[in-house]
Amino acid sequence: MPELSRVSGDEVISALKRLGFVRVRQRGSHVVMKRATPDGTIGCVVPLHKELAEGTLRGILKQAQVSHEEFKENL
């Protein structure tokens, strides 16, 4: 599995927007992003931290159903 680089919450949000996600709401330092697909709606929660831990980023990508390669291409 390719190693993920350290990124901020804002960088993740920007990459997800390029992948078709829309910022739905925010509560405190957590932003909810959603994308409509033919199978239904996909959502994920992104914390607005200066640097996300690798495990946190993996969880976000898993929720968003985005591959690591797809994410890296849109950073």
N, C-alpha and C. Protein backbone atom coordinates (compact mmCIF):
# COMPACT_ATOMS: atom_id res chain seq x y z
N MET A 1 0.86 -1.18 0.00
CA MET A 1 0.00 0.00 0.00
C MET A 1 0.90 1.24 0.00
N PRO A 2 0.64 2.19 -0.91
CA PRO A 2 1.47 3.38 -0.98
C PRO A 2 1.33 4.23 0.28
N GLU A 3 2.43 4.83 0.64
CA GLU A 3 2.43 5.67 1.84
C GLU A 3 1.77 7.01 1.54
N LEU A 4 0.97 7.48 2.48
CA LEU A 4 0.28 8.76 2.33
C LEU A 4 1.13 9.87 2.94
N SER A 5 1.14 11.02 2.28
CA SER A 5 1.89 12.14 2.81
C SER A 5 1.07 12.87 3.86
N ARG A 6 1.73 13.64 4.68
CA ARG A 6 1.05 14.43 5.71
C ARG A 6 0.40 15.64 5.06
N VAL A 7 -0.88 15.78 5.28
CA VAL A 7 -1.62 16.90 4.70
C VAL A 7 -2.51 17.52 5.76
N SER A 8 -2.96 18.74 5.51
CA SER A 8 -3.86 19.42 6.44
C SER A 8 -5.31 19.11 6.07
N GLY A 9 -6.22 19.43 6.96
CA GLY A 9 -7.63 19.25 6.70
C GLY A 9 -8.10 20.07 5.51
N ASP A 10 -7.57 21.29 5.37
CA ASP A 10 -7.94 22.15 4.24
C ASP A 10 -7.50 21.54 2.91
N GLU A 11 -6.32 20.92 2.88
CA GLU A 11 -5.83 20.28 1.66
C GLU A 11 -6.71 19.09 1.28
N VAL A 12 -7.16 18.34 2.29
CA VAL A 12 -8.04 17.20 2.04
C VAL A 12 -9.37 17.69 1.47
N ILE A 13 -9.91 18.75 2.04
CA ILE A 13 -11.18 19.31 1.56
C ILE A 13 -11.04 19.77 0.11
N SER A 14 -9.94 20.42 -0.23
CA SER A 14 -9.72 20.88 -1.60
C SER A 14 -9.66 19.70 -2.57
N ALA A 15 -8.95 18.65 -2.18
CA ALA A 15 -8.85 17.46 -3.04
C ALA A 15 -10.21 16.79 -3.21
N LEU A 16 -10.97 16.71 -2.13
CA LEU A 16 -12.30 16.08 -2.21
C LEU A 16 -13.24 16.91 -3.08
N LYS A 17 -13.11 18.24 -3.04
CA LYS A 17 -13.93 19.10 -3.90
C LYS A 17 -13.62 18.82 -5.36
N ARG A 18 -12.34 18.61 -5.70
CA ARG A 18 -11.96 18.29 -7.07
C ARG A 18 -12.53 16.94 -7.51
N LEU A 19 -12.80 16.07 -6.53
CA LEU A 19 -13.37 14.75 -6.81
C LEU A 19 -14.90 14.76 -6.82
N GLY A 20 -15.50 15.94 -6.68
CA GLY A 20 -16.94 16.05 -6.78
C GLY A 20 -17.68 16.15 -5.45
N PHE A 21 -16.96 16.23 -4.34
CA PHE A 21 -17.61 16.36 -3.04
C PHE A 21 -18.01 17.81 -2.80
N VAL A 22 -19.05 18.00 -2.01
CA VAL A 22 -19.55 19.32 -1.67
C VAL A 22 -19.53 19.46 -0.15
N ARG A 23 -19.14 20.63 0.32
CA ARG A 23 -19.14 20.91 1.75
C ARG A 23 -20.59 21.12 2.19
N VAL A 24 -21.09 20.24 3.07
CA VAL A 24 -22.49 20.29 3.47
C VAL A 24 -22.68 21.12 4.72
N ARG A 25 -21.87 20.87 5.73
CA ARG A 25 -22.00 21.62 6.98
C ARG A 25 -20.71 21.50 7.79
N GLN A 26 -20.63 22.32 8.83
CA GLN A 26 -19.48 22.30 9.71
C GLN A 26 -19.95 22.50 11.14
N ARG A 27 -19.37 21.74 12.03
CA ARG A 27 -19.64 21.93 13.46
C ARG A 27 -18.31 21.92 14.17
N GLY A 28 -17.95 23.07 14.69
CA GLY A 28 -16.64 23.19 15.33
C GLY A 28 -15.55 23.04 14.29
N SER A 29 -14.64 22.10 14.54
CA SER A 29 -13.53 21.92 13.61
C SER A 29 -13.71 20.72 12.69
N HIS A 30 -14.94 20.24 12.53
CA HIS A 30 -15.21 19.10 11.67
C HIS A 30 -16.17 19.49 10.53
N VAL A 31 -15.75 19.17 9.31
CA VAL A 31 -16.52 19.51 8.12
C VAL A 31 -17.10 18.23 7.52
N VAL A 32 -18.38 18.25 7.17
CA VAL A 32 -19.04 17.11 6.54
C VAL A 32 -19.07 17.37 5.04
N MET A 33 -18.55 16.40 4.27
CA MET A 33 -18.51 16.48 2.81
C MET A 33 -19.38 15.36 2.26
N LYS A 34 -20.09 15.63 1.15
CA LYS A 34 -20.94 14.60 0.53
C LYS A 34 -20.81 14.66 -0.99
N ARG A 35 -21.07 13.49 -1.61
CA ARG A 35 -21.07 13.38 -3.07
C ARG A 35 -22.18 12.44 -3.47
N ALA A 36 -22.97 12.82 -4.46
CA ALA A 36 -24.04 11.98 -4.97
C ALA A 36 -23.47 11.03 -6.03
N THR A 37 -23.85 9.76 -5.95
CA THR A 37 -23.44 8.75 -6.93
C THR A 37 -24.69 8.01 -7.38
N PRO A 38 -24.59 7.23 -8.46
CA PRO A 38 -25.76 6.45 -8.88
C PRO A 38 -26.24 5.47 -7.82
N ASP A 39 -25.34 5.01 -6.96
CA ASP A 39 -25.69 4.06 -5.89
C ASP A 39 -26.22 4.73 -4.64
N GLY A 40 -26.14 6.05 -4.55
CA GLY A 40 -26.58 6.77 -3.36
C GLY A 40 -25.61 7.89 -3.01
N THR A 41 -25.71 8.36 -1.80
CA THR A 41 -24.86 9.47 -1.35
C THR A 41 -23.70 8.92 -0.52
N ILE A 42 -22.52 9.47 -0.77
CA ILE A 42 -21.32 9.11 -0.01
C ILE A 42 -20.94 10.32 0.82
N GLY A 43 -20.65 10.11 2.10
CA GLY A 43 -20.28 11.21 2.97
C GLY A 43 -19.04 10.89 3.77
N CYS A 44 -18.36 11.93 4.21
CA CYS A 44 -17.20 11.75 5.08
C CYS A 44 -17.04 13.01 5.94
N VAL A 45 -16.33 12.85 7.03
CA VAL A 45 -16.08 13.94 7.97
C VAL A 45 -14.59 14.24 7.97
N VAL A 46 -14.23 15.52 7.79
CA VAL A 46 -12.84 15.94 7.75
C VAL A 46 -12.56 16.90 8.88
N PRO A 47 -11.63 16.56 9.81
CA PRO A 47 -11.26 17.50 10.86
C PRO A 47 -10.33 18.58 10.30
N LEU A 48 -10.52 19.81 10.72
CA LEU A 48 -9.69 20.92 10.23
C LEU A 48 -8.43 21.08 11.08
N HIS A 49 -7.58 20.07 11.04
CA HIS A 49 -6.31 20.12 11.77
C HIS A 49 -5.21 20.57 10.83
N LYS A 50 -4.13 21.10 11.40
CA LYS A 50 -3.00 21.55 10.59
C LYS A 50 -2.32 20.37 9.91
N GLU A 51 -2.30 19.23 10.57
CA GLU A 51 -1.70 18.03 10.01
C GLU A 51 -2.51 16.82 10.46
N LEU A 52 -3.00 16.04 9.51
CA LEU A 52 -3.79 14.85 9.85
C LEU A 52 -2.88 13.65 10.01
N ALA A 53 -3.18 12.82 10.99
CA ALA A 53 -2.43 11.58 11.18
C ALA A 53 -2.73 10.66 10.00
N GLU A 54 -1.81 9.75 9.71
CA GLU A 54 -1.97 8.85 8.57
C GLU A 54 -3.23 7.99 8.71
N GLY A 55 -3.50 7.50 9.91
CA GLY A 55 -4.68 6.68 10.15
C GLY A 55 -5.97 7.46 9.96
N THR A 56 -5.97 8.72 10.36
CA THR A 56 -7.14 9.58 10.17
C THR A 56 -7.41 9.78 8.69
N LEU A 57 -6.35 10.04 7.92
CA LEU A 57 -6.50 10.23 6.48
C LEU A 57 -7.00 8.95 5.81
N ARG A 58 -6.47 7.81 6.23
CA ARG A 58 -6.95 6.53 5.69
C ARG A 58 -8.45 6.35 5.95
N GLY A 59 -8.90 6.70 7.15
CA GLY A 59 -10.31 6.58 7.50
C GLY A 59 -11.18 7.49 6.66
N ILE A 60 -10.71 8.72 6.41
CA ILE A 60 -11.46 9.67 5.58
C ILE A 60 -11.60 9.12 4.16
N LEU A 61 -10.49 8.61 3.60
CA LEU A 61 -10.53 8.08 2.24
C LEU A 61 -11.42 6.84 2.15
N LYS A 62 -11.43 6.04 3.20
CA LYS A 62 -12.29 4.85 3.22
C LYS A 62 -13.76 5.27 3.26
N GLN A 63 -14.10 6.24 4.10
CA GLN A 63 -15.47 6.76 4.16
C GLN A 63 -15.89 7.33 2.80
N ALA A 64 -14.98 8.05 2.17
CA ALA A 64 -15.28 8.74 0.90
C ALA A 64 -15.22 7.79 -0.29
N GLN A 65 -14.75 6.56 -0.07
CA GLN A 65 -14.59 5.57 -1.14
C GLN A 65 -13.70 6.10 -2.25
N VAL A 66 -12.56 6.67 -1.83
CA VAL A 66 -11.58 7.24 -2.76
C VAL A 66 -10.28 6.46 -2.58
N SER A 67 -9.66 6.05 -3.69
CA SER A 67 -8.39 5.33 -3.60
C SER A 67 -7.25 6.31 -3.28
N HIS A 68 -6.15 5.74 -2.78
CA HIS A 68 -4.99 6.58 -2.43
C HIS A 68 -4.44 7.27 -3.68
N GLU A 69 -4.40 6.53 -4.81
CA GLU A 69 -3.88 7.09 -6.05
C GLU A 69 -4.76 8.24 -6.54
N GLU A 70 -6.06 8.02 -6.48
CA GLU A 70 -7.03 9.05 -6.90
C GLU A 70 -6.87 10.31 -6.05
N PHE A 71 -6.67 10.11 -4.75
CA PHE A 71 -6.50 11.24 -3.84
C PHE A 71 -5.22 12.00 -4.15
N LYS A 72 -4.11 11.27 -4.34
CA LYS A 72 -2.82 11.92 -4.62
C LYS A 72 -2.87 12.73 -5.91
N GLU A 73 -3.58 12.21 -6.92
CA GLU A 73 -3.69 12.92 -8.20
C GLU A 73 -4.42 14.25 -8.05
N ASN A 74 -5.30 14.36 -7.05
CA ASN A 74 -6.12 15.56 -6.89
C ASN A 74 -5.63 16.47 -5.78
N LEU A 75 -4.49 16.18 -5.19
CA LEU A 75 -3.93 17.07 -4.16
C LEU A 75 -3.46 18.37 -4.76
